[in-house]
Amino acid sequence: MGHVPAPRRRRNNFDFPAKRRREIVLHARHVVAMETEDRSRWLIAWVWHNRKAKDQIWSVMEAAKRMGGKITEAEASGITEEASICRKHLSADNLARFLGVTYEQRQRLGLTTIGSVNVGRRARKELRKRMDRLYQKSRRRERGARPQSESLSRTKPWEAMKMSRRTWYRRKNKSRSGTTSSAAIFLSTADRPVPTGMEAGTSERGFASKEARGYPSSQTATTMAADVHETLPLELRLLALGLPMRENLARAA
């Protein structure tokens, strides 16, 4: 048996710093950060997540353009130096406090790597659960599911009809099927349903009857045999039937 290679693991191509940089640019454009006095905040945060850049100054200048502004090379050099010496805010909520990201902005922009200043991590988790429950509830409504207030366990229609729950369900299922229990179970031969489309002279299994095929039935054959015997003399009829003949008839014979 040949060597079987181990299955390859899937590579995770998710680039967290790149996604964080995109979200920083997205928020900066939303709040028009390049037109404010503290526009360097978004550029400093962008530099924190761009450690692998070969030319950091040029990268900062390009980031400012994507944010909707423009800075000089000297300003880009100063921002790069300040980003290297100041305290880094890398966690989601710390970065949100550094940039002033609110929960409304986070939801509107679809940010996932940056938190919010007014709604904490646990509260956001509970809100996600609640939104998911509402979404699943709306999907069940679209599929025809009843709300909990209209469920049978709440309304209990069998109590209004003064019957047990089991009887109510049994009658409901019977009305849905449209047949009786005798027709479904076939307890006797009389419970068989009558086939539709059967012509006259056709038996239940679909074959033509004896009369339709030109053969006499058992009752007709018996009648015909009786008619033939009536033409014979009495003594021969008795002999044919195996009955004893009376003495006078025997002597006459």
C-alpha atoms as a PDB file:
ATOM      1  CA  MET A   1       0.000   0.000   0.000  1.00  0.00           C
ATOM      2  CA  GLY A   2       1.470   3.340  -1.042  1.00  0.00           C
ATOM      3  CA  HIS A   3       2.089   6.311   1.185  1.00  0.00           C
ATOM      4  CA  VAL A   4      -0.986   8.458   1.674  1.00  0.00           C
ATOM      5  CA  PRO A   5      -0.103  12.145   2.167  1.00  0.00           C
ATOM      6  CA  ALA A   6      -1.727  14.020   5.002  1.00  0.00           C
ATOM      7  CA  PRO A   7      -4.521  16.425   4.013  1.00  0.00           C
ATOM      8  CA  ARG A   8      -3.373  19.982   3.587  1.00  0.00           C
ATOM      9  CA  ARG A   9      -4.661  22.565   5.966  1.00  0.00           C
ATOM     10  CA  ARG A  10      -6.571  25.435   4.556  1.00  0.00           C
ATOM     11  CA  ARG A  11      -4.627  28.651   4.543  1.00  0.00           C
ATOM     12  CA  ASN A  12      -6.230  31.562   6.304  1.00  0.00           C
ATOM     13  CA  ASN A  13      -5.826  34.450   3.895  1.00  0.00           C
ATOM     14  CA  PHE A  14      -7.560  36.931   6.187  1.00  0.00           C
ATOM     15  CA  ASP A  15      -5.357  39.994   6.643  1.00  0.00           C
ATOM     16  CA  PHE A  16      -6.468  41.706   9.840  1.00  0.00           C
ATOM     17  CA  PRO A  17      -4.204  44.799   9.580  1.00  0.00           C
ATOM     18  CA  ALA A  18      -5.388  45.425   6.006  1.00  0.00           C
ATOM     19  CA  LYS A  19      -9.031  45.218   7.069  1.00  0.00           C
ATOM     20  CA  ARG A  20      -8.376  47.503  10.024  1.00  0.00           C
ATOM     21  CA  ARG A  21      -6.721  50.062   7.721  1.00  0.00           C
ATOM     22  CA  ARG A  22      -9.708  49.987   5.368  1.00  0.00           C
ATOM     23  CA  GLU A  23     -12.105  50.588   8.245  1.00  0.00           C
ATOM     24  CA  ILE A  24      -9.998  53.494   9.549  1.00  0.00           C
ATOM     25  CA  VAL A  25     -10.117  55.100   6.093  1.00  0.00           C
ATOM     26  CA  LEU A  26     -13.874  54.447   5.864  1.00  0.00           C
ATOM     27  CA  HIS A  27     -14.559  56.146   9.203  1.00  0.00           C
ATOM     28  CA  ALA A  28     -12.273  59.066   8.369  1.00  0.00           C
ATOM     29  CA  ARG A  29     -14.189  59.710   5.158  1.00  0.00           C
ATOM     30  CA  HIS A  30     -17.528  59.392   6.999  1.00  0.00           C
ATOM     31  CA  VAL A  31     -16.671  62.034   9.622  1.00  0.00           C
ATOM     32  CA  VAL A  32     -14.631  64.157   7.158  1.00  0.00           C
ATOM     33  CA  ALA A  33     -11.586  63.815   9.425  1.00  0.00           C
ATOM     34  CA  MET A  34      -9.153  65.448   6.982  1.00  0.00           C
ATOM     35  CA  GLU A  35     -10.909  68.784   7.440  1.00  0.00           C
ATOM     36  CA  THR A  36     -10.553  68.785  11.241  1.00  0.00           C
ATOM     37  CA  GLU A  37      -7.634  69.882  13.420  1.00  0.00           C
ATOM     38  CA  ASP A  38      -6.910  66.392  14.798  1.00  0.00           C
ATOM     39  CA  ARG A  39      -6.772  64.652  11.429  1.00  0.00           C
ATOM     40  CA  SER A  40      -3.461  63.133  12.428  1.00  0.00           C
ATOM     41  CA  ARG A  41      -5.298  60.716  14.723  1.00  0.00           C
ATOM     42  CA  TRP A  42      -6.631  58.610  11.829  1.00  0.00           C
ATOM     43  CA  LEU A  43      -3.258  58.701  10.065  1.00  0.00           C
ATOM     44  CA  ILE A  44      -1.424  57.639  13.237  1.00  0.00           C
ATOM     45  CA  ALA A  45      -3.855  54.758  13.730  1.00  0.00           C
ATOM     46  CA  TRP A  46      -3.337  53.829  10.084  1.00  0.00           C
ATOM     47  CA  VAL A  47       0.466  53.736  10.601  1.00  0.00           C
ATOM     48  CA  TRP A  48       0.070  51.388  13.592  1.00  0.00           C
ATOM     49  CA  HIS A  49      -1.424  48.789  11.252  1.00  0.00           C
ATOM     50  CA  ASN A  50       1.036  49.330   8.384  1.00  0.00           C
ATOM     51  CA  ARG A  51       4.250  47.995   9.890  1.00  0.00           C
ATOM     52  CA  LYS A  52       5.381  46.066   6.779  1.00  0.00           C
ATOM     53  CA  ALA A  53       5.511  49.130   4.522  1.00  0.00           C
ATOM     54  CA  LYS A  54       8.878  49.739   2.851  1.00  0.00           C
ATOM     55  CA  ASP A  55       8.272  53.482   2.401  1.00  0.00           C
ATOM     56  CA  GLN A  56       6.113  54.562   5.321  1.00  0.00           C
ATOM     57  CA  ILE A  57       6.125  58.266   4.456  1.00  0.00           C
ATOM     58  CA  TRP A  58       4.817  57.679   0.942  1.00  0.00           C
ATOM     59  CA  SER A  59       2.212  55.241   2.344  1.00  0.00           C
ATOM     60  CA  VAL A  60       0.935  57.870   4.800  1.00  0.00           C
ATOM     61  CA  MET A  61       0.580  60.422   2.023  1.00  0.00           C
ATOM     62  CA  GLU A  62      -1.409  57.943  -0.054  1.00  0.00           C
ATOM     63  CA  ALA A  63      -3.596  57.094   2.960  1.00  0.00           C
ATOM     64  CA  ALA A  64      -4.397  60.780   3.416  1.00  0.00           C
ATOM     65  CA  LYS A  65      -5.576  60.926  -0.192  1.00  0.00           C
ATOM     66  CA  ARG A  66      -7.868  57.949   0.356  1.00  0.00           C
ATOM     67  CA  MET A  67      -9.276  59.692   3.437  1.00  0.00           C
ATOM     68  CA  GLY A  68     -10.187  62.708   1.321  1.00  0.00           C
ATOM     69  CA  GLY A  69      -7.277  65.030   2.140  1.00  0.00           C
ATOM     70  CA  LYS A  70      -3.721  65.846   1.223  1.00  0.00           C
ATOM     71  CA  ILE A  71      -0.568  66.261   3.316  1.00  0.00           C
ATOM     72  CA  THR A  72       3.009  67.174   2.569  1.00  0.00           C
ATOM     73  CA  GLU A  73       6.016  64.927   2.892  1.00  0.00           C
ATOM     74  CA  ALA A  74       7.130  66.785   6.040  1.00  0.00           C
ATOM     75  CA  GLU A  75       3.715  66.257   7.654  1.00  0.00           C
ATOM     76  CA  ALA A  76       3.803  62.590   6.730  1.00  0.00           C
ATOM     77  CA  SER A  77       7.285  62.258   8.294  1.00  0.00           C
ATOM     78  CA  GLY A  78       6.080  63.902  11.518  1.00  0.00           C
ATOM     79  CA  ILE A  79       3.021  61.624  11.691  1.00  0.00           C
ATOM     80  CA  THR A  80       5.196  58.544  11.198  1.00  0.00           C
ATOM     81  CA  GLU A  81       7.551  59.621  13.995  1.00  0.00           C
ATOM     82  CA  GLU A  82       4.659  60.424  16.361  1.00  0.00           C
ATOM     83  CA  ALA A  83       3.037  57.032  15.672  1.00  0.00           C
ATOM     84  CA  SER A  84       6.275  55.275  16.662  1.00  0.00           C
ATOM     85  CA  ILE A  85       6.631  56.989  20.063  1.00  0.00           C
ATOM     86  CA  CYS A  86       3.013  57.412  21.287  1.00  0.00           C
ATOM     87  CA  ARG A  87       1.008  54.755  23.059  1.00  0.00           C
ATOM     88  CA  LYS A  88      -0.660  52.352  20.659  1.00  0.00           C
ATOM     89  CA  HIS A  89      -4.408  51.657  20.904  1.00  0.00           C
ATOM     90  CA  LEU A  90      -4.783  48.341  19.131  1.00  0.00           C
ATOM     91  CA  SER A  91      -7.823  46.716  20.742  1.00  0.00           C
ATOM     92  CA  ALA A  92     -11.257  47.315  19.223  1.00  0.00           C
ATOM     93  CA  ASP A  93     -12.698  49.469  21.995  1.00  0.00           C
ATOM     94  CA  ASN A  94      -9.458  51.361  22.701  1.00  0.00           C
ATOM     95  CA  LEU A  95      -9.139  52.274  19.037  1.00  0.00           C
ATOM     96  CA  ALA A  96     -12.803  53.325  18.992  1.00  0.00           C
ATOM     97  CA  ARG A  97     -12.160  55.667  21.921  1.00  0.00           C
ATOM     98  CA  PHE A  98      -9.043  57.031  20.208  1.00  0.00           C
ATOM     99  CA  LEU A  99     -10.998  57.800  17.019  1.00  0.00           C
ATOM    100  CA  GLY A 100     -14.387  58.539  18.611  1.00  0.00           C
ATOM    101  CA  VAL A 101     -16.361  55.813  16.809  1.00  0.00           C
ATOM    102  CA  THR A 102     -19.963  55.559  18.006  1.00  0.00           C
ATOM    103  CA  TYR A 103     -22.181  52.479  17.806  1.00  0.00           C
ATOM    104  CA  GLU A 104     -24.428  54.142  15.234  1.00  0.00           C
ATOM    105  CA  GLN A 105     -21.430  54.862  13.008  1.00  0.00           C
ATOM    106  CA  ARG A 106     -20.168  51.325  13.487  1.00  0.00           C
ATOM    107  CA  GLN A 107     -23.483  49.837  12.359  1.00  0.00           C
ATOM    108  CA  ARG A 108     -23.914  52.218   9.455  1.00  0.00           C
ATOM    109  CA  LEU A 109     -20.413  51.638   8.095  1.00  0.00           C
ATOM    110  CA  GLY A 110     -20.392  47.902   8.852  1.00  0.00           C
ATOM    111  CA  LEU A 111     -17.227  48.057  10.981  1.00  0.00           C
ATOM    112  CA  THR A 112     -16.184  44.769  12.579  1.00  0.00           C
ATOM    113  CA  THR A 113     -12.616  45.330  13.787  1.00  0.00           C
ATOM    114  CA  ILE A 114     -13.311  48.633  15.584  1.00  0.00           C
ATOM    115  CA  GLY A 115     -15.562  48.858  18.653  1.00  0.00           C
ATOM    116  CA  SER A 116     -17.637  51.800  19.850  1.00  0.00           C
ATOM    117  CA  VAL A 117     -17.410  54.397  22.593  1.00  0.00           C
ATOM    118  CA  ASN A 118     -20.999  54.171  23.825  1.00  0.00           C
ATOM    119  CA  VAL A 119     -21.770  50.421  23.587  1.00  0.00           C
ATOM    120  CA  GLY A 120     -19.373  47.908  25.154  1.00  0.00           C
ATOM    121  CA  ARG A 121     -18.290  44.522  23.878  1.00  0.00           C
ATOM    122  CA  ARG A 122     -20.778  42.483  25.945  1.00  0.00           C
ATOM    123  CA  ALA A 123     -23.633  44.795  25.054  1.00  0.00           C
ATOM    124  CA  ARG A 124     -22.792  44.490  21.365  1.00  0.00           C
ATOM    125  CA  LYS A 125     -22.818  40.711  21.679  1.00  0.00           C
ATOM    126  CA  GLU A 126     -26.280  40.762  23.260  1.00  0.00           C
ATOM    127  CA  LEU A 127     -27.529  43.123  20.574  1.00  0.00           C
ATOM    128  CA  ARG A 128     -26.245  40.766  17.874  1.00  0.00           C
ATOM    129  CA  LYS A 129     -28.094  37.875  19.503  1.00  0.00           C
ATOM    130  CA  ARG A 130     -31.288  39.909  19.681  1.00  0.00           C
ATOM    131  CA  MET A 131     -31.027  40.963  16.042  1.00  0.00           C
ATOM    132  CA  ASP A 132     -30.430  37.364  15.037  1.00  0.00           C
ATOM    133  CA  ARG A 133     -33.530  36.234  16.960  1.00  0.00           C
ATOM    134  CA  LEU A 134     -35.622  38.887  15.236  1.00  0.00           C
ATOM    135  CA  TYR A 135     -34.237  37.837  11.867  1.00  0.00           C
ATOM    136  CA  GLN A 136     -35.011  34.154  12.490  1.00  0.00           C
ATOM    137  CA  LYS A 137     -38.485  35.101  13.713  1.00  0.00           C
ATOM    138  CA  SER A 138     -39.208  37.052  10.533  1.00  0.00           C
ATOM    139  CA  ARG A 139     -38.012  34.094   8.438  1.00  0.00           C
ATOM    140  CA  ARG A 140     -40.348  31.737  10.300  1.00  0.00           C
ATOM    141  CA  ARG A 141     -43.241  34.153   9.727  1.00  0.00           C
ATOM    142  CA  GLU A 142     -42.484  34.210   6.006  1.00  0.00           C
ATOM    143  CA  ARG A 143     -42.588  30.391   5.951  1.00  0.00           C
ATOM    144  CA  GLY A 144     -46.062  30.386   7.518  1.00  0.00           C
ATOM    145  CA  ALA A 145     -45.243  29.742  11.180  1.00  0.00           C
ATOM    146  CA  ARG A 146     -47.710  31.131  13.707  1.00  0.00           C
ATOM    147  CA  PRO A 147     -46.624  33.503  16.457  1.00  0.00           C
ATOM    148  CA  GLN A 148     -46.488  32.149  19.992  1.00  0.00           C
ATOM    149  CA  SER A 149     -49.626  34.055  21.014  1.00  0.00           C
ATOM    150  CA  GLU A 150     -51.630  32.305  18.263  1.00  0.00           C
ATOM    151  CA  SER A 151     -50.293  28.805  18.862  1.00  0.00           C
ATOM    152  CA  LEU A 152     -52.685  25.978  19.686  1.00  0.00           C
ATOM    153  CA  SER A 153     -51.125  25.496  23.120  1.00  0.00           C
ATOM    154  CA  ARG A 154     -52.147  29.064  23.940  1.00  0.00           C
ATOM    155  CA  THR A 155     -55.557  29.297  22.257  1.00  0.00           C
ATOM    156  CA  LYS A 156     -56.729  25.731  23.187  1.00  0.00           C
ATOM    157  CA  PRO A 157     -59.661  25.486  20.746  1.00  0.00           C
ATOM    158  CA  TRP A 158     -60.722  22.078  22.173  1.00  0.00           C
ATOM    159  CA  GLU A 159     -61.781  23.743  25.432  1.00  0.00           C
ATOM    160  CA  ALA A 160     -64.221  25.988  23.573  1.00  0.00           C
ATOM    161  CA  MET A 161     -65.718  22.878  21.905  1.00  0.00           C
ATOM    162  CA  LYS A 162     -65.845  21.062  25.277  1.00  0.00           C
ATOM    163  CA  MET A 163     -63.790  18.072  24.193  1.00  0.00           C
ATOM    164  CA  SER A 164     -60.419  16.615  24.974  1.00  0.00           C
ATOM    165  CA  ARG A 165     -57.304  17.634  23.130  1.00  0.00           C
ATOM    166  CA  ARG A 166     -56.868  14.136  21.732  1.00  0.00           C
ATOM    167  CA  THR A 167     -60.425  14.061  20.347  1.00  0.00           C
ATOM    168  CA  TRP A 168     -59.975  17.488  18.767  1.00  0.00           C
ATOM    169  CA  TYR A 169     -56.787  16.424  16.965  1.00  0.00           C
ATOM    170  CA  ARG A 170     -58.378  13.143  15.830  1.00  0.00           C
ATOM    171  CA  ARG A 171     -61.368  14.926  14.289  1.00  0.00           C
ATOM    172  CA  LYS A 172     -59.110  17.503  12.684  1.00  0.00           C
ATOM    173  CA  ASN A 173     -56.957  14.831  11.058  1.00  0.00           C
ATOM    174  CA  LYS A 174     -60.081  12.970   9.909  1.00  0.00           C
ATOM    175  CA  SER A 175     -61.458  16.089   8.254  1.00  0.00           C
ATOM    176  CA  ARG A 176     -58.139  16.687   6.504  1.00  0.00           C
ATOM    177  CA  SER A 177     -57.947  13.175   5.076  1.00  0.00           C
ATOM    178  CA  GLY A 178     -61.570  13.241   3.882  1.00  0.00           C
ATOM    179  CA  THR A 179     -62.051   9.489   4.510  1.00  0.00           C
ATOM    180  CA  THR A 180     -63.374   7.388   7.319  1.00  0.00           C
ATOM    181  CA  SER A 181     -61.375   4.985   9.417  1.00  0.00           C
ATOM    182  CA  SER A 182     -63.257   2.008   7.927  1.00  0.00           C
ATOM    183  CA  ALA A 183     -62.336   3.010   4.383  1.00  0.00           C
ATOM    184  CA  ALA A 184     -58.670   3.413   5.322  1.00  0.00           C
ATOM    185  CA  ILE A 185     -58.300   0.253   7.406  1.00  0.00           C
ATOM    186  CA  PHE A 186     -60.464  -2.150   5.327  1.00  0.00           C
ATOM    187  CA  LEU A 187     -61.708  -4.266   8.192  1.00  0.00           C
ATOM    188  CA  SER A 188     -64.071  -6.242   5.961  1.00  0.00           C
ATOM    189  CA  THR A 189     -64.758  -6.846   2.304  1.00  0.00           C
ATOM    190  CA  ALA A 190     -67.626  -4.410   2.473  1.00  0.00           C
ATOM    191  CA  ASP A 191     -65.148  -1.611   3.275  1.00  0.00           C
ATOM    192  CA  ARG A 192     -63.519  -1.755  -0.140  1.00  0.00           C
ATOM    193  CA  PRO A 193     -63.955   1.414  -2.156  1.00  0.00           C
ATOM    194  CA  VAL A 194     -65.961   1.099  -5.330  1.00  0.00           C
ATOM    195  CA  PRO A 195     -63.668   1.482  -8.355  1.00  0.00           C
ATOM    196  CA  THR A 196     -64.625   4.254 -10.703  1.00  0.00           C
ATOM    197  CA  GLY A 197     -64.971   3.888 -14.442  1.00  0.00           C
ATOM    198  CA  MET A 198     -66.112   0.199 -14.390  1.00  0.00           C
ATOM    199  CA  GLU A 199     -68.364  -0.793 -17.228  1.00  0.00           C
ATOM    200  CA  ALA A 200     -71.351  -3.075 -17.041  1.00  0.00           C
ATOM    201  CA  GLY A 201     -70.420  -6.738 -17.163  1.00  0.00           C
ATOM    202  CA  THR A 202     -66.941  -6.092 -15.738  1.00  0.00           C
ATOM    203  CA  SER A 203     -65.828  -7.714 -12.521  1.00  0.00           C
ATOM    204  CA  GLU A 204     -64.084  -5.926  -9.672  1.00  0.00           C
ATOM    205  CA  ARG A 205     -60.590  -7.027 -10.786  1.00  0.00           C
ATOM    206  CA  GLY A 206     -61.131  -5.679 -14.267  1.00  0.00           C
ATOM    207  CA  PHE A 207     -62.039  -8.980 -16.026  1.00  0.00           C
ATOM    208  CA  ALA A 208     -65.249  -9.432 -17.974  1.00  0.00           C
ATOM    209  CA  SER A 209     -67.915 -11.558 -16.364  1.00  0.00           C
ATOM    210  CA  LYS A 210     -68.824 -15.064 -17.619  1.00  0.00           C
ATOM    211  CA  GLU A 211     -72.001 -13.789 -19.255  1.00  0.00           C
ATOM    212  CA  ALA A 212     -70.010 -11.079 -21.099  1.00  0.00           C
ATOM    213  CA  ARG A 213     -67.511 -13.676 -22.331  1.00  0.00           C
ATOM    214  CA  GLY A 214     -70.292 -16.071 -23.535  1.00  0.00           C
ATOM    215  CA  TYR A 215     -69.975 -18.638 -20.720  1.00  0.00           C
ATOM    216  CA  PRO A 216     -72.925 -19.506 -18.472  1.00  0.00           C
ATOM    217  CA  SER A 217     -72.623 -18.707 -14.812  1.00  0.00           C
ATOM    218  CA  SER A 218     -72.955 -21.406 -12.130  1.00  0.00           C
ATOM    219  CA  GLN A 219     -76.601 -20.470 -11.475  1.00  0.00           C
ATOM    220  CA  THR A 220     -77.427 -20.532 -15.193  1.00  0.00           C
ATOM    221  CA  ALA A 221     -75.704 -23.901 -15.637  1.00  0.00           C
ATOM    222  CA  THR A 222     -77.715 -25.413 -12.771  1.00  0.00           C
ATOM    223  CA  THR A 223     -80.974 -24.152 -14.291  1.00  0.00           C
ATOM    224  CA  MET A 224     -80.043 -25.547 -17.680  1.00  0.00           C
ATOM    225  CA  ALA A 225     -79.235 -28.961 -16.178  1.00  0.00           C
ATOM    226  CA  ALA A 226     -82.610 -29.008 -14.383  1.00  0.00           C
ATOM    227  CA  ASP A 227     -84.416 -28.202 -17.633  1.00  0.00           C
ATOM    228  CA  VAL A 228     -82.692 -31.149 -19.390  1.00  0.00           C
ATOM    229  CA  HIS A 229     -83.697 -33.615 -16.607  1.00  0.00           C
ATOM    230  CA  GLU A 230     -87.320 -32.516 -16.821  1.00  0.00           C
ATOM    231  CA  THR A 231     -87.548 -34.020 -20.305  1.00  0.00           C
ATOM    232  CA  LEU A 232     -86.478 -37.475 -19.090  1.00  0.00           C
ATOM    233  CA  PRO A 233     -88.849 -40.087 -17.722  1.00  0.00           C
ATOM    234  CA  LEU A 234     -89.376 -40.137 -13.999  1.00  0.00           C
ATOM    235  CA  GLU A 235     -87.429 -43.389 -13.380  1.00  0.00           C
ATOM    236  CA  LEU A 236     -84.409 -42.084 -15.286  1.00  0.00           C
ATOM    237  CA  ARG A 237     -84.524 -38.828 -13.396  1.00  0.00           C
ATOM    238  CA  LEU A 238     -84.522 -40.778 -10.125  1.00  0.00           C
ATOM    239  CA  LEU A 239     -81.616 -42.899 -11.290  1.00  0.00           C
ATOM    240  CA  ALA A 240     -79.707 -39.769 -12.371  1.00  0.00           C
ATOM    241  CA  LEU A 241     -80.245 -38.246  -8.978  1.00  0.00           C
ATOM    242  CA  GLY A 242     -79.292 -41.499  -7.182  1.00  0.00           C
ATOM    243  CA  LEU A 243     -82.655 -41.833  -5.488  1.00  0.00           C
ATOM    244  CA  PRO A 244     -84.341 -45.263  -4.814  1.00  0.00           C
ATOM    245  CA  MET A 245     -87.183 -46.087  -7.115  1.00  0.00           C
ATOM    246  CA  ARG A 246     -90.520 -47.158  -5.772  1.00  0.00           C
ATOM    247  CA  GLU A 247     -91.519 -50.803  -6.272  1.00  0.00           C
ATOM    248  CA  ASN A 248     -94.310 -50.153  -8.707  1.00  0.00           C
ATOM    249  CA  LEU A 249     -92.057 -48.054 -10.881  1.00  0.00           C
ATOM    250  CA  ALA A 250     -89.338 -50.754 -10.808  1.00  0.00           C
ATOM    251  CA  ARG A 251     -91.835 -53.474 -11.785  1.00  0.00           C
ATOM    252  CA  ALA A 252     -93.131 -51.295 -14.560  1.00  0.00           C
ATOM    253  CA  ALA A 253     -89.644 -50.857 -15.848  1.00  0.00           C
END
